[in-house]
N, C-alpha and C. Protein backbone atom coordinates (compact mmCIF):
# COMPACT_ATOMS: atom_id res chain seq x y z
N MET A 1 -29.30 44.62 14.59
CA MET A 1 -28.35 45.69 15.24
C MET A 1 -28.87 47.15 15.19
N ASN A 2 -28.86 47.97 16.12
CA ASN A 2 -29.26 49.28 16.14
C ASN A 2 -28.19 50.10 15.84
N LEU A 3 -28.69 51.40 15.41
CA LEU A 3 -27.59 52.58 15.13
C LEU A 3 -26.35 52.67 16.11
N LYS A 4 -26.64 52.66 17.03
CA LYS A 4 -25.43 52.76 18.19
C LYS A 4 -24.43 51.59 17.84
N GLY A 5 -24.91 50.43 17.87
CA GLY A 5 -24.07 49.14 17.54
C GLY A 5 -23.23 49.36 16.26
N ILE A 6 -24.05 49.90 15.33
CA ILE A 6 -23.25 50.20 13.92
C ILE A 6 -22.03 50.87 14.01
N LEU A 7 -22.35 52.19 14.68
CA LEU A 7 -21.43 53.24 15.03
C LEU A 7 -20.19 52.79 15.66
N ILE A 8 -20.53 51.97 16.60
CA ILE A 8 -19.38 51.41 17.60
C ILE A 8 -18.43 50.40 16.50
N LEU A 9 -19.25 49.61 15.84
CA LEU A 9 -18.43 48.66 15.07
C LEU A 9 -17.63 49.50 14.01
N ALA A 10 -18.33 50.52 13.37
CA ALA A 10 -17.58 51.15 12.48
C ALA A 10 -16.30 52.04 12.93
N VAL A 11 -16.45 52.47 14.23
CA VAL A 11 -15.25 53.23 14.70
C VAL A 11 -14.35 52.13 15.17
N LEU A 12 -14.54 50.86 15.76
CA LEU A 12 -13.69 49.70 16.01
C LEU A 12 -12.90 49.45 14.78
N LEU A 13 -13.60 49.06 13.62
CA LEU A 13 -13.01 48.72 12.38
C LEU A 13 -12.07 49.76 11.85
N THR A 14 -12.62 51.21 11.86
CA THR A 14 -11.62 52.13 11.36
C THR A 14 -10.42 52.22 12.27
N THR A 15 -10.62 52.09 13.70
CA THR A 15 -9.31 52.02 14.56
C THR A 15 -8.31 51.00 14.26
N VAL A 16 -8.82 49.80 13.88
CA VAL A 16 -8.15 48.72 13.95
C VAL A 16 -7.46 48.68 12.52
N LYS A 17 -8.16 49.24 11.35
CA LYS A 17 -7.47 49.37 10.13
C LYS A 17 -6.53 50.47 10.05
N SER A 18 -6.84 51.46 10.93
CA SER A 18 -5.59 52.71 10.85
C SER A 18 -4.33 52.06 11.48
N ALA A 19 -4.68 51.22 12.69
CA ALA A 19 -3.43 50.93 13.33
C ALA A 19 -2.68 49.79 12.52
N ILE A 20 -3.31 49.05 11.82
CA ILE A 20 -2.72 48.18 10.90
C ILE A 20 -1.86 48.80 9.60
N LEU A 21 -2.46 49.99 9.32
CA LEU A 21 -1.81 50.70 8.05
C LEU A 21 -0.80 51.43 8.76
N ILE A 22 -0.78 52.00 9.73
CA ILE A 22 0.50 52.83 10.32
C ILE A 22 1.46 51.84 10.77
N SER A 23 1.25 50.81 11.50
CA SER A 23 2.35 50.02 11.82
C SER A 23 3.19 49.14 10.45
N ALA A 24 2.36 49.13 9.50
CA ALA A 24 2.87 48.42 8.38
C ALA A 24 3.82 49.49 7.65
N ASN A 25 3.42 50.83 7.72
CA ASN A 25 4.34 52.05 7.24
C ASN A 25 5.51 52.15 7.95
N LEU A 26 5.13 52.00 9.26
CA LEU A 26 6.41 52.33 10.16
C LEU A 26 7.58 51.14 9.88
N LEU A 27 7.18 49.97 9.59
CA LEU A 27 8.16 48.81 9.46
C LEU A 27 8.83 48.87 8.09
N LYS A 28 8.43 49.63 6.99
CA LYS A 28 9.22 49.69 5.97
C LYS A 28 10.46 50.61 5.84
N PRO A 29 11.54 49.93 5.60
CA PRO A 29 12.74 50.62 5.46
C PRO A 29 12.74 52.05 4.62
N LYS A 30 13.07 53.08 5.24
CA LYS A 30 13.11 54.37 4.37
C LYS A 30 14.41 54.54 3.88
N LEU A 31 14.46 54.96 2.53
CA LEU A 31 15.39 55.31 1.67
C LEU A 31 15.79 56.93 1.92
N LYS A 32 16.74 57.00 2.37
CA LYS A 32 17.38 58.50 2.37
C LYS A 32 18.44 58.59 1.29
N TYR A 33 18.11 59.72 0.51
CA TYR A 33 18.99 60.07 -0.54
C TYR A 33 19.77 61.37 0.05
N ASN A 34 21.24 61.45 -0.16
CA ASN A 34 21.86 62.60 0.00
C ASN A 34 21.99 63.38 -1.20
N LEU A 35 21.68 64.68 -1.17
CA LEU A 35 21.80 65.37 -2.16
C LEU A 35 22.54 66.78 -1.87
N ILE A 36 23.73 66.85 -2.74
CA ILE A 36 24.35 68.17 -2.66
C ILE A 36 24.25 68.94 -4.06
N LEU A 37 23.81 70.23 -3.87
CA LEU A 37 23.71 70.97 -4.96
C LEU A 37 24.82 72.04 -5.00
N ILE A 38 25.60 72.12 -5.97
CA ILE A 38 26.87 73.01 -6.06
C ILE A 38 26.32 73.84 -7.17
N SER A 39 26.37 75.08 -6.72
CA SER A 39 25.95 76.09 -7.74
C SER A 39 27.23 77.06 -7.98
N VAL A 40 27.78 77.13 -9.15
CA VAL A 40 28.85 78.02 -9.28
C VAL A 40 28.84 78.79 -10.74
N ASP A 41 29.03 80.30 -10.63
CA ASP A 41 28.59 80.82 -11.65
C ASP A 41 29.86 81.19 -12.60
N THR A 42 30.93 80.91 -12.29
CA THR A 42 32.10 81.02 -12.87
C THR A 42 32.68 79.91 -13.48
N LEU A 43 32.34 78.89 -13.47
CA LEU A 43 32.71 77.55 -13.92
C LEU A 43 31.98 77.12 -15.30
N ARG A 44 32.82 77.08 -16.35
CA ARG A 44 32.50 76.64 -17.75
C ARG A 44 32.65 75.31 -17.87
N PRO A 45 31.83 74.46 -18.62
CA PRO A 45 31.91 73.18 -18.92
C PRO A 45 33.31 73.00 -20.04
N ASP A 46 33.64 73.84 -20.62
CA ASP A 46 34.67 73.82 -21.56
C ASP A 46 35.96 73.94 -20.79
N HIS A 47 35.98 74.07 -19.62
CA HIS A 47 37.20 74.25 -18.76
C HIS A 47 37.25 73.19 -17.52
N MET A 48 36.28 72.16 -17.85
CA MET A 48 36.44 71.12 -16.69
C MET A 48 36.86 69.72 -17.47
N GLY A 49 37.62 69.14 -16.42
CA GLY A 49 38.26 67.73 -16.95
C GLY A 49 37.07 66.61 -17.30
N ILE A 50 36.14 66.76 -16.45
CA ILE A 50 35.14 65.68 -16.84
C ILE A 50 34.46 65.97 -18.37
N TYR A 51 34.70 67.16 -18.99
CA TYR A 51 34.14 67.23 -20.26
C TYR A 51 35.17 67.46 -21.30
N GLY A 52 36.61 66.99 -20.85
CA GLY A 52 37.65 66.77 -21.90
C GLY A 52 38.73 67.87 -21.63
N TYR A 53 38.62 68.84 -20.85
CA TYR A 53 39.69 69.61 -20.94
C TYR A 53 40.87 68.98 -20.19
N PRO A 54 42.23 69.30 -20.90
CA PRO A 54 43.40 68.51 -20.64
C PRO A 54 43.87 69.14 -19.33
N LYS A 55 43.70 70.19 -18.94
CA LYS A 55 44.42 70.59 -17.64
C LYS A 55 43.55 70.04 -16.37
N ASN A 56 44.12 70.01 -15.36
CA ASN A 56 43.54 69.62 -14.13
C ASN A 56 42.85 70.64 -13.28
N THR A 57 41.85 71.28 -13.94
CA THR A 57 41.13 72.48 -13.21
C THR A 57 40.25 71.97 -12.23
N THR A 58 39.60 70.77 -12.16
CA THR A 58 38.50 70.50 -11.22
C THR A 58 38.84 68.96 -10.97
N PRO A 59 39.89 68.78 -9.84
CA PRO A 59 40.40 67.49 -9.63
C PRO A 59 39.40 66.66 -8.68
N ASN A 60 38.57 67.35 -8.02
CA ASN A 60 37.64 66.76 -6.93
C ASN A 60 36.49 66.14 -7.75
N ILE A 61 35.93 66.98 -8.68
CA ILE A 61 34.86 66.39 -9.62
C ILE A 61 35.18 65.41 -10.53
N ASP A 62 36.68 65.38 -10.97
CA ASP A 62 36.97 64.38 -11.94
C ASP A 62 37.40 63.13 -11.48
N THR A 63 37.46 62.94 -10.15
CA THR A 63 38.04 61.53 -9.41
C THR A 63 36.81 60.39 -9.79
N PRO A 64 37.52 59.35 -10.01
CA PRO A 64 36.60 58.08 -10.56
C PRO A 64 35.82 57.77 -9.21
N ASN A 65 36.20 57.84 -8.14
CA ASN A 65 35.40 57.48 -6.93
C ASN A 65 33.98 58.44 -6.69
N PHE A 66 34.02 59.53 -7.41
CA PHE A 66 33.07 60.47 -7.09
C PHE A 66 31.95 60.33 -8.04
N SER A 67 31.05 59.67 -7.65
CA SER A 67 29.95 59.52 -8.70
C SER A 67 28.81 60.59 -8.56
N VAL A 68 28.63 61.09 -9.63
CA VAL A 68 27.75 62.39 -9.96
C VAL A 68 26.92 62.24 -11.11
N ILE A 69 25.80 63.12 -11.04
CA ILE A 69 24.76 62.96 -12.30
C ILE A 69 25.21 64.33 -12.77
N ILE A 70 25.38 64.50 -13.90
CA ILE A 70 25.74 65.86 -14.63
C ILE A 70 24.74 66.15 -15.84
């Protein structure tokens, strides 16, 4: 095989390999995460129901169906 044939074969194999990798990546399901960042400078942990404060000062954060990482 001459140099031109080797180069054509290399380009062809690279193209086929790239197409396979791209199509495999497109078929994977993408996981999407929802992220909400709440920044409050006047909210103290000792006045939040989730930390044991007896008054209902943060009802939306304290609801059982609201899953958060604190």
